[in-house]
Amino acid sequence: MKLLVGLGNPGGKYARNRHNIGFMALDQIALDHGFGPWKSKFQGQIAEGRLGGDKALLLKPETFMNLSGQSVGETMRFYKLTPADVVVFHDELDLAPGRLKVKSGGGHAGHNGLRSIHAHIGEAYDRVRMGIGHPGRKELVAAYVLHDFAKADEAWLDDVLRGVSDGAAALADGDAARFMNAVALRVKPPRSSGGKAPAAKPAKAAPEEAPAAEDTRSPMQKLVDRFK
């Protein structure tokens, strides 16, 4: 059984923040894959369902981002899961908007949600880094991540969330490549090759030959003309 964790902050005022893209990913998965209703448990919201043929859990910690590890750790202990059973979806400043990467283990790169999870369960879990871009200067980061996505972001954001949902079963099965391919098919679908070829230009008709003039010479004149 896999535990898919989305990171964000609870409450309506944070719902469309860039920092909450992890929550948004889980909401899309729950909707598309028919997960049960969200229930308040383990200091978060949890939903049960299936991805592919296997049971899966979706968890949105409600401890606020900086304490996310408390909820994750409590859920893991109850279901007797290991860090290898956990996949965390989170916002990533170092990736351009719309780009995703799957990472297994490693550091938290200063992300407060990941830092808290590291403190409670260690680093040996998988994470899906969901690019939101960087405001350009370090002092602008806090305001940037706690601000709603702009209207200009809606198209790529919808594609990414739907792609994540399309590939969720593959991700739960440990197939990161197939997951990323599902996202790519939404974000950059292949161009259709079914367009009609331009009609060939009709060939120019050969010019008609003028009819030959009638020869009115007498037989004797024709013979004379041959020897001129």
C-alpha atoms as a PDB file:
ATOM      1  CA  MET A   1       0.000   0.000   0.000  1.00  0.00           C
ATOM      2  CA  LYS A   2       1.262   3.452  -0.951  1.00  0.00           C
ATOM      3  CA  LEU A   3       0.809   6.645   1.040  1.00  0.00           C
ATOM      4  CA  LEU A   4       0.638   9.677  -1.243  1.00  0.00           C
ATOM      5  CA  VAL A   5       1.176  12.913   0.657  1.00  0.00           C
ATOM      6  CA  GLY A   6       0.406  16.366  -0.688  1.00  0.00           C
ATOM      7  CA  LEU A   7       1.981  19.365   1.025  1.00  0.00           C
ATOM      8  CA  GLY A   8       0.210  22.657   1.622  1.00  0.00           C
ATOM      9  CA  ASN A   9      -1.468  24.807   4.229  1.00  0.00           C
ATOM     10  CA  PRO A  10      -5.049  24.208   5.443  1.00  0.00           C
ATOM     11  CA  GLY A  11      -7.857  26.729   5.004  1.00  0.00           C
ATOM     12  CA  GLY A  12      -9.632  28.455   2.151  1.00  0.00           C
ATOM     13  CA  LYS A  13      -7.322  31.447   2.006  1.00  0.00           C
ATOM     14  CA  TYR A  14      -4.396  29.199   1.091  1.00  0.00           C
ATOM     15  CA  ALA A  15      -6.274  26.896  -1.295  1.00  0.00           C
ATOM     16  CA  ARG A  16      -4.905  28.363  -4.568  1.00  0.00           C
ATOM     17  CA  ASN A  17      -1.465  29.343  -3.251  1.00  0.00           C
ATOM     18  CA  ARG A  18       1.599  28.109  -5.139  1.00  0.00           C
ATOM     19  CA  HIS A  19       2.674  26.452  -1.882  1.00  0.00           C
ATOM     20  CA  ASN A  20      -0.473  24.284  -2.055  1.00  0.00           C
ATOM     21  CA  ILE A  21       0.161  22.580  -5.380  1.00  0.00           C
ATOM     22  CA  GLY A  22       0.677  19.299  -3.482  1.00  0.00           C
ATOM     23  CA  PHE A  23      -2.851  19.521  -2.065  1.00  0.00           C
ATOM     24  CA  MET A  24      -4.171  20.285  -5.558  1.00  0.00           C
ATOM     25  CA  ALA A  25      -2.466  17.173  -6.987  1.00  0.00           C
ATOM     26  CA  LEU A  26      -4.111  14.921  -4.400  1.00  0.00           C
ATOM     27  CA  ASP A  27      -7.525  16.524  -4.935  1.00  0.00           C
ATOM     28  CA  GLN A  28      -7.277  15.738  -8.658  1.00  0.00           C
ATOM     29  CA  ILE A  29      -6.220  12.134  -7.998  1.00  0.00           C
ATOM     30  CA  ALA A  30      -9.055  11.633  -5.494  1.00  0.00           C
ATOM     31  CA  LEU A  31     -11.596  13.021  -7.956  1.00  0.00           C
ATOM     32  CA  ASP A  32     -10.439  11.083 -11.016  1.00  0.00           C
ATOM     33  CA  HIS A  33      -9.867   7.743  -9.278  1.00  0.00           C
ATOM     34  CA  GLY A  34     -13.021   7.664  -7.162  1.00  0.00           C
ATOM     35  CA  PHE A  35     -11.412   7.800  -3.721  1.00  0.00           C
ATOM     36  CA  GLY A  36     -13.646   7.766  -0.660  1.00  0.00           C
ATOM     37  CA  PRO A  37     -14.574  10.971   1.159  1.00  0.00           C
ATOM     38  CA  TRP A  38     -11.885  12.946   2.953  1.00  0.00           C
ATOM     39  CA  LYS A  39     -11.850  12.245   6.699  1.00  0.00           C
ATOM     40  CA  SER A  40     -10.134  14.132   9.528  1.00  0.00           C
ATOM     41  CA  LYS A  41      -7.473  11.795  10.904  1.00  0.00           C
ATOM     42  CA  PHE A  42      -3.814  11.795  11.898  1.00  0.00           C
ATOM     43  CA  GLN A  43      -3.715  15.626  12.085  1.00  0.00           C
ATOM     44  CA  GLY A  44      -4.749  15.795   8.459  1.00  0.00           C
ATOM     45  CA  GLN A  45      -7.304  14.879   5.825  1.00  0.00           C
ATOM     46  CA  ILE A  46      -7.099  11.315   4.544  1.00  0.00           C
ATOM     47  CA  ALA A  47      -8.897   9.445   1.750  1.00  0.00           C
ATOM     48  CA  GLU A  48      -8.760   5.763   0.848  1.00  0.00           C
ATOM     49  CA  GLY A  49      -9.044   4.199  -2.582  1.00  0.00           C
ATOM     50  CA  ARG A  50      -7.237   2.191  -5.224  1.00  0.00           C
ATOM     51  CA  LEU A  51      -4.634   3.054  -7.822  1.00  0.00           C
ATOM     52  CA  GLY A  52      -4.373   0.322 -10.384  1.00  0.00           C
ATOM     53  CA  GLY A  53      -4.963  -2.897  -8.471  1.00  0.00           C
ATOM     54  CA  ASP A  54      -3.515  -1.757  -5.163  1.00  0.00           C
ATOM     55  CA  LYS A  55      -4.935   0.069  -2.174  1.00  0.00           C
ATOM     56  CA  ALA A  56      -3.623   3.588  -1.658  1.00  0.00           C
ATOM     57  CA  LEU A  57      -3.977   6.383   0.882  1.00  0.00           C
ATOM     58  CA  LEU A  58      -4.020  10.117   0.172  1.00  0.00           C
ATOM     59  CA  LEU A  59      -2.961  12.443   2.987  1.00  0.00           C
ATOM     60  CA  LYS A  60      -3.109  16.240   3.244  1.00  0.00           C
ATOM     61  CA  PRO A  61      -1.470  17.263   6.556  1.00  0.00           C
ATOM     62  CA  GLU A  62      -3.344  20.044   8.358  1.00  0.00           C
ATOM     63  CA  THR A  63      -0.534  20.957  10.732  1.00  0.00           C
ATOM     64  CA  PHE A  64       0.597  23.781   8.413  1.00  0.00           C
ATOM     65  CA  MET A  65       3.562  23.246   6.135  1.00  0.00           C
ATOM     66  CA  ASN A  66       6.342  23.535   8.728  1.00  0.00           C
ATOM     67  CA  LEU A  67       4.957  20.654  10.810  1.00  0.00           C
ATOM     68  CA  SER A  68       3.879  18.305   8.018  1.00  0.00           C
ATOM     69  CA  GLY A  69       6.060  15.479   9.327  1.00  0.00           C
ATOM     70  CA  GLN A  70       3.892  15.047  12.429  1.00  0.00           C
ATOM     71  CA  SER A  71       0.899  13.987  10.348  1.00  0.00           C
ATOM     72  CA  VAL A  72       2.947  11.829   7.993  1.00  0.00           C
ATOM     73  CA  GLY A  73       4.694  10.013  10.839  1.00  0.00           C
ATOM     74  CA  GLU A  74       1.456   9.353  12.691  1.00  0.00           C
ATOM     75  CA  THR A  75      -0.212   7.929   9.573  1.00  0.00           C
ATOM     76  CA  MET A  76       2.751   5.688   8.804  1.00  0.00           C
ATOM     77  CA  ARG A  77       2.846   4.262  12.315  1.00  0.00           C
ATOM     78  CA  PHE A  78      -0.872   3.451  12.282  1.00  0.00           C
ATOM     79  CA  TYR A  79      -0.693   1.612   8.948  1.00  0.00           C
ATOM     80  CA  LYS A  80       2.755   0.115   9.660  1.00  0.00           C
ATOM     81  CA  LEU A  81       4.301   1.668   6.567  1.00  0.00           C
ATOM     82  CA  THR A  82       7.952   2.353   5.809  1.00  0.00           C
ATOM     83  CA  PRO A  83       9.475   5.473   4.187  1.00  0.00           C
ATOM     84  CA  ALA A  84       9.731   3.471   0.945  1.00  0.00           C
ATOM     85  CA  ASP A  85       5.902   3.378   0.860  1.00  0.00           C
ATOM     86  CA  VAL A  86       5.634   7.175   0.885  1.00  0.00           C
ATOM     87  CA  VAL A  87       5.459   9.601  -2.058  1.00  0.00           C
ATOM     88  CA  VAL A  88       5.321  13.339  -1.304  1.00  0.00           C
ATOM     89  CA  PHE A  89       4.029  15.954  -3.784  1.00  0.00           C
ATOM     90  CA  HIS A  90       5.424  19.430  -3.154  1.00  0.00           C
ATOM     91  CA  ASP A  91       6.111  22.789  -4.781  1.00  0.00           C
ATOM     92  CA  GLU A  92       9.599  23.305  -6.212  1.00  0.00           C
ATOM     93  CA  LEU A  93      11.110  26.753  -6.701  1.00  0.00           C
ATOM     94  CA  ASP A  94      14.084  25.439  -8.668  1.00  0.00           C
ATOM     95  CA  LEU A  95      11.957  24.046 -11.506  1.00  0.00           C
ATOM     96  CA  ALA A  96      10.188  26.132 -14.129  1.00  0.00           C
ATOM     97  CA  PRO A  97       6.393  26.283 -13.914  1.00  0.00           C
ATOM     98  CA  GLY A  98       4.877  23.132 -15.370  1.00  0.00           C
ATOM     99  CA  ARG A  99       8.014  20.996 -15.031  1.00  0.00           C
ATOM    100  CA  LEU A 100       8.084  17.921 -12.789  1.00  0.00           C
ATOM    101  CA  LYS A 101      10.790  15.618 -11.493  1.00  0.00           C
ATOM    102  CA  VAL A 102      10.600  12.460  -9.411  1.00  0.00           C
ATOM    103  CA  LYS A 103      13.269  12.124  -6.770  1.00  0.00           C
ATOM    104  CA  SER A 104      14.054   9.268  -4.395  1.00  0.00           C
ATOM    105  CA  GLY A 105      15.763  10.106  -1.111  1.00  0.00           C
ATOM    106  CA  GLY A 106      18.234  12.950  -0.680  1.00  0.00           C
ATOM    107  CA  GLY A 107      18.101  16.309   1.062  1.00  0.00           C
ATOM    108  CA  HIS A 108      15.195  18.685   1.634  1.00  0.00           C
ATOM    109  CA  ALA A 109      16.845  21.677  -0.150  1.00  0.00           C
ATOM    110  CA  GLY A 110      15.464  24.089   2.435  1.00  0.00           C
ATOM    111  CA  HIS A 111      11.799  23.208   1.846  1.00  0.00           C
ATOM    112  CA  ASN A 112      10.165  23.486   5.276  1.00  0.00           C
ATOM    113  CA  GLY A 113       7.590  20.763   4.635  1.00  0.00           C
ATOM    114  CA  LEU A 114      10.261  18.301   3.566  1.00  0.00           C
ATOM    115  CA  ARG A 115      12.489  19.389   6.442  1.00  0.00           C
ATOM    116  CA  SER A 116       9.740  18.401   8.893  1.00  0.00           C
ATOM    117  CA  ILE A 117       9.139  15.066   7.167  1.00  0.00           C
ATOM    118  CA  HIS A 118      12.884  14.339   7.259  1.00  0.00           C
ATOM    119  CA  ALA A 119      12.847  14.955  11.012  1.00  0.00           C
ATOM    120  CA  HIS A 120      10.042  12.435  11.575  1.00  0.00           C
ATOM    121  CA  ILE A 121      10.669   9.610   9.074  1.00  0.00           C
ATOM    122  CA  GLY A 122      14.130  10.193   7.610  1.00  0.00           C
ATOM    123  CA  GLU A 123      14.958  10.904   3.970  1.00  0.00           C
ATOM    124  CA  ALA A 124      14.329   7.515   2.297  1.00  0.00           C
ATOM    125  CA  TYR A 125      10.994   8.426   0.708  1.00  0.00           C
ATOM    126  CA  ASP A 126      10.048   9.448  -2.821  1.00  0.00           C
ATOM    127  CA  ARG A 127       8.931  12.895  -3.783  1.00  0.00           C
ATOM    128  CA  VAL A 128       7.408  14.547  -6.849  1.00  0.00           C
ATOM    129  CA  ARG A 129       8.904  18.009  -7.301  1.00  0.00           C
ATOM    130  CA  MET A 130       6.303  20.217  -8.955  1.00  0.00           C
ATOM    131  CA  GLY A 131       7.832  23.319 -10.535  1.00  0.00           C
ATOM    132  CA  ILE A 132       6.364  26.718  -9.707  1.00  0.00           C
ATOM    133  CA  GLY A 133       9.321  28.880 -10.754  1.00  0.00           C
ATOM    134  CA  HIS A 134      11.333  31.347  -8.665  1.00  0.00           C
ATOM    135  CA  PRO A 135      10.545  35.027  -8.075  1.00  0.00           C
ATOM    136  CA  GLY A 136      14.182  35.913  -8.721  1.00  0.00           C
ATOM    137  CA  ARG A 137      15.309  37.094  -5.295  1.00  0.00           C
ATOM    138  CA  LYS A 138      15.484  35.187  -2.025  1.00  0.00           C
ATOM    139  CA  GLU A 139      13.661  37.856  -0.027  1.00  0.00           C
ATOM    140  CA  LEU A 140      10.646  37.528  -2.335  1.00  0.00           C
ATOM    141  CA  VAL A 141      10.212  33.771  -1.898  1.00  0.00           C
ATOM    142  CA  ALA A 142       7.870  33.762   1.135  1.00  0.00           C
ATOM    143  CA  ALA A 143       5.383  36.160  -0.451  1.00  0.00           C
ATOM    144  CA  TYR A 144       5.655  34.354  -3.792  1.00  0.00           C
ATOM    145  CA  VAL A 145       4.819  30.849  -2.529  1.00  0.00           C
ATOM    146  CA  LEU A 146       1.993  32.160  -0.328  1.00  0.00           C
ATOM    147  CA  HIS A 147       0.379  33.969  -3.249  1.00  0.00           C
ATOM    148  CA  ASP A 148      -2.270  32.472  -5.546  1.00  0.00           C
ATOM    149  CA  PHE A 149      -1.370  31.186  -8.993  1.00  0.00           C
ATOM    150  CA  ALA A 150      -1.916  33.856 -11.616  1.00  0.00           C
ATOM    151  CA  LYS A 151      -4.628  33.495 -14.249  1.00  0.00           C
ATOM    152  CA  ALA A 152      -1.885  33.030 -16.822  1.00  0.00           C
ATOM    153  CA  ASP A 153      -0.838  29.856 -14.949  1.00  0.00           C
ATOM    154  CA  GLU A 154      -4.224  28.154 -15.147  1.00  0.00           C
ATOM    155  CA  ALA A 155      -3.718  26.366 -18.472  1.00  0.00           C
ATOM    156  CA  TRP A 156      -0.393  24.702 -17.648  1.00  0.00           C
ATOM    157  CA  LEU A 157      -1.468  24.034 -14.049  1.00  0.00           C
ATOM    158  CA  ASP A 158      -4.580  22.161 -15.176  1.00  0.00           C
ATOM    159  CA  ASP A 159      -2.508  20.097 -17.625  1.00  0.00           C
ATOM    160  CA  VAL A 160       0.028  19.206 -14.934  1.00  0.00           C
ATOM    161  CA  LEU A 161      -2.599  18.194 -12.372  1.00  0.00           C
ATOM    162  CA  ARG A 162      -4.445  16.035 -14.887  1.00  0.00           C
ATOM    163  CA  GLY A 163      -1.177  14.468 -15.990  1.00  0.00           C
ATOM    164  CA  VAL A 164      -0.268  13.651 -12.390  1.00  0.00           C
ATOM    165  CA  SER A 165      -3.655  11.987 -11.980  1.00  0.00           C
ATOM    166  CA  ASP A 166      -3.253  10.070 -15.262  1.00  0.00           C
ATOM    167  CA  GLY A 167       0.058   8.661 -14.072  1.00  0.00           C
ATOM    168  CA  ALA A 168      -0.813   8.110 -10.410  1.00  0.00           C
ATOM    169  CA  ALA A 169      -1.282   4.349 -10.754  1.00  0.00           C
ATOM    170  CA  ALA A 170       2.113   4.008 -12.439  1.00  0.00           C
ATOM    171  CA  LEU A 171       3.727   6.077  -9.691  1.00  0.00           C
ATOM    172  CA  ALA A 172       2.121   3.948  -6.970  1.00  0.00           C
ATOM    173  CA  ASP A 173       3.494   0.904  -8.791  1.00  0.00           C
ATOM    174  CA  GLY A 174       7.013   2.359  -8.684  1.00  0.00           C
ATOM    175  CA  ASP A 175       7.206   3.138 -12.403  1.00  0.00           C
ATOM    176  CA  ALA A 176       8.471   6.720 -12.416  1.00  0.00           C
ATOM    177  CA  ALA A 177       9.183   6.701 -16.159  1.00  0.00           C
ATOM    178  CA  ARG A 178       5.610   5.783 -17.053  1.00  0.00           C
ATOM    179  CA  PHE A 179       4.338   8.403 -14.605  1.00  0.00           C
ATOM    180  CA  MET A 180       6.458  11.110 -16.217  1.00  0.00           C
ATOM    181  CA  ASN A 181       5.310  10.002 -19.659  1.00  0.00           C
ATOM    182  CA  ALA A 182       1.670  10.423 -18.591  1.00  0.00           C
ATOM    183  CA  VAL A 183       2.416  13.961 -17.433  1.00  0.00           C
ATOM    184  CA  ALA A 184       4.269  14.757 -20.656  1.00  0.00           C
ATOM    185  CA  LEU A 185       1.314  13.590 -22.758  1.00  0.00           C
ATOM    186  CA  ARG A 186      -0.843  16.194 -21.016  1.00  0.00           C
ATOM    187  CA  VAL A 187       1.683  19.021 -20.924  1.00  0.00           C
ATOM    188  CA  LYS A 188       3.142  18.494 -24.413  1.00  0.00           C
ATOM    189  CA  PRO A 189       0.783  16.273 -26.397  1.00  0.00           C
ATOM    190  CA  PRO A 190       2.154  14.919 -29.682  1.00  0.00           C
ATOM    191  CA  ARG A 191       1.166  16.904 -32.729  1.00  0.00           C
ATOM    192  CA  SER A 192      -1.510  15.344 -34.874  1.00  0.00           C
ATOM    193  CA  SER A 193      -0.282  13.946 -38.176  1.00  0.00           C
ATOM    194  CA  GLY A 194      -3.770  13.450 -39.593  1.00  0.00           C
ATOM    195  CA  GLY A 195      -4.003  16.775 -41.400  1.00  0.00           C
ATOM    196  CA  LYS A 196      -4.890  16.681 -45.085  1.00  0.00           C
ATOM    197  CA  ALA A 197      -2.030  17.044 -47.486  1.00  0.00           C
ATOM    198  CA  PRO A 198      -2.355  20.109 -49.673  1.00  0.00           C
ATOM    199  CA  ALA A 199      -4.104  19.319 -52.925  1.00  0.00           C
ATOM    200  CA  ALA A 200      -1.736  18.854 -55.819  1.00  0.00           C
ATOM    201  CA  LYS A 201      -1.862  21.579 -58.396  1.00  0.00           C
ATOM    202  CA  PRO A 202      -3.406  20.349 -61.651  1.00  0.00           C
ATOM    203  CA  ALA A 203      -0.857  19.791 -64.377  1.00  0.00           C
ATOM    204  CA  LYS A 204      -0.915  22.330 -67.144  1.00  0.00           C
ATOM    205  CA  ALA A 205      -2.506  20.993 -70.283  1.00  0.00           C
ATOM    206  CA  ALA A 206      -0.153  20.616 -73.221  1.00  0.00           C
ATOM    207  CA  PRO A 207      -0.773  23.321 -75.819  1.00  0.00           C
ATOM    208  CA  GLU A 208      -2.861  22.106 -78.711  1.00  0.00           C
ATOM    209  CA  GLU A 209      -1.009  21.766 -81.997  1.00  0.00           C
ATOM    210  CA  ALA A 210      -2.261  23.839 -84.899  1.00  0.00           C
ATOM    211  CA  PRO A 211      -3.726  21.673 -87.635  1.00  0.00           C
ATOM    212  CA  ALA A 212      -1.381  21.131 -90.574  1.00  0.00           C
ATOM    213  CA  ALA A 213      -2.125  23.256 -93.660  1.00  0.00           C
ATOM    214  CA  GLU A 214      -3.606  21.354 -96.590  1.00  0.00           C
ATOM    215  CA  ASP A 215      -0.982  20.543 -99.269  1.00  0.00           C
ATOM    216  CA  THR A 216      -2.408  21.703-102.646  1.00  0.00           C
ATOM    217  CA  ARG A 217       0.712  21.063-104.772  1.00  0.00           C
ATOM    218  CA  SER A 218       0.458  18.866-107.839  1.00  0.00           C
ATOM    219  CA  PRO A 219       2.440  15.598-107.969  1.00  0.00           C
ATOM    220  CA  MET A 220       4.869  17.148-110.457  1.00  0.00           C
ATOM    221  CA  GLN A 221       5.434  20.197-108.217  1.00  0.00           C
ATOM    222  CA  LYS A 222       6.086  17.932-105.199  1.00  0.00           C
ATOM    223  CA  LEU A 223       8.732  15.993-107.202  1.00  0.00           C
ATOM    224  CA  VAL A 224      10.393  19.219-108.314  1.00  0.00           C
ATOM    225  CA  ASP A 225      10.423  20.557-104.758  1.00  0.00           C
ATOM    226  CA  ARG A 226      12.173  17.414-103.454  1.00  0.00           C
ATOM    227  CA  PHE A 227      15.210  18.108-105.639  1.00  0.00           C
ATOM    228  CA  LYS A 228      15.564  21.805-104.973  1.00  0.00           C
END
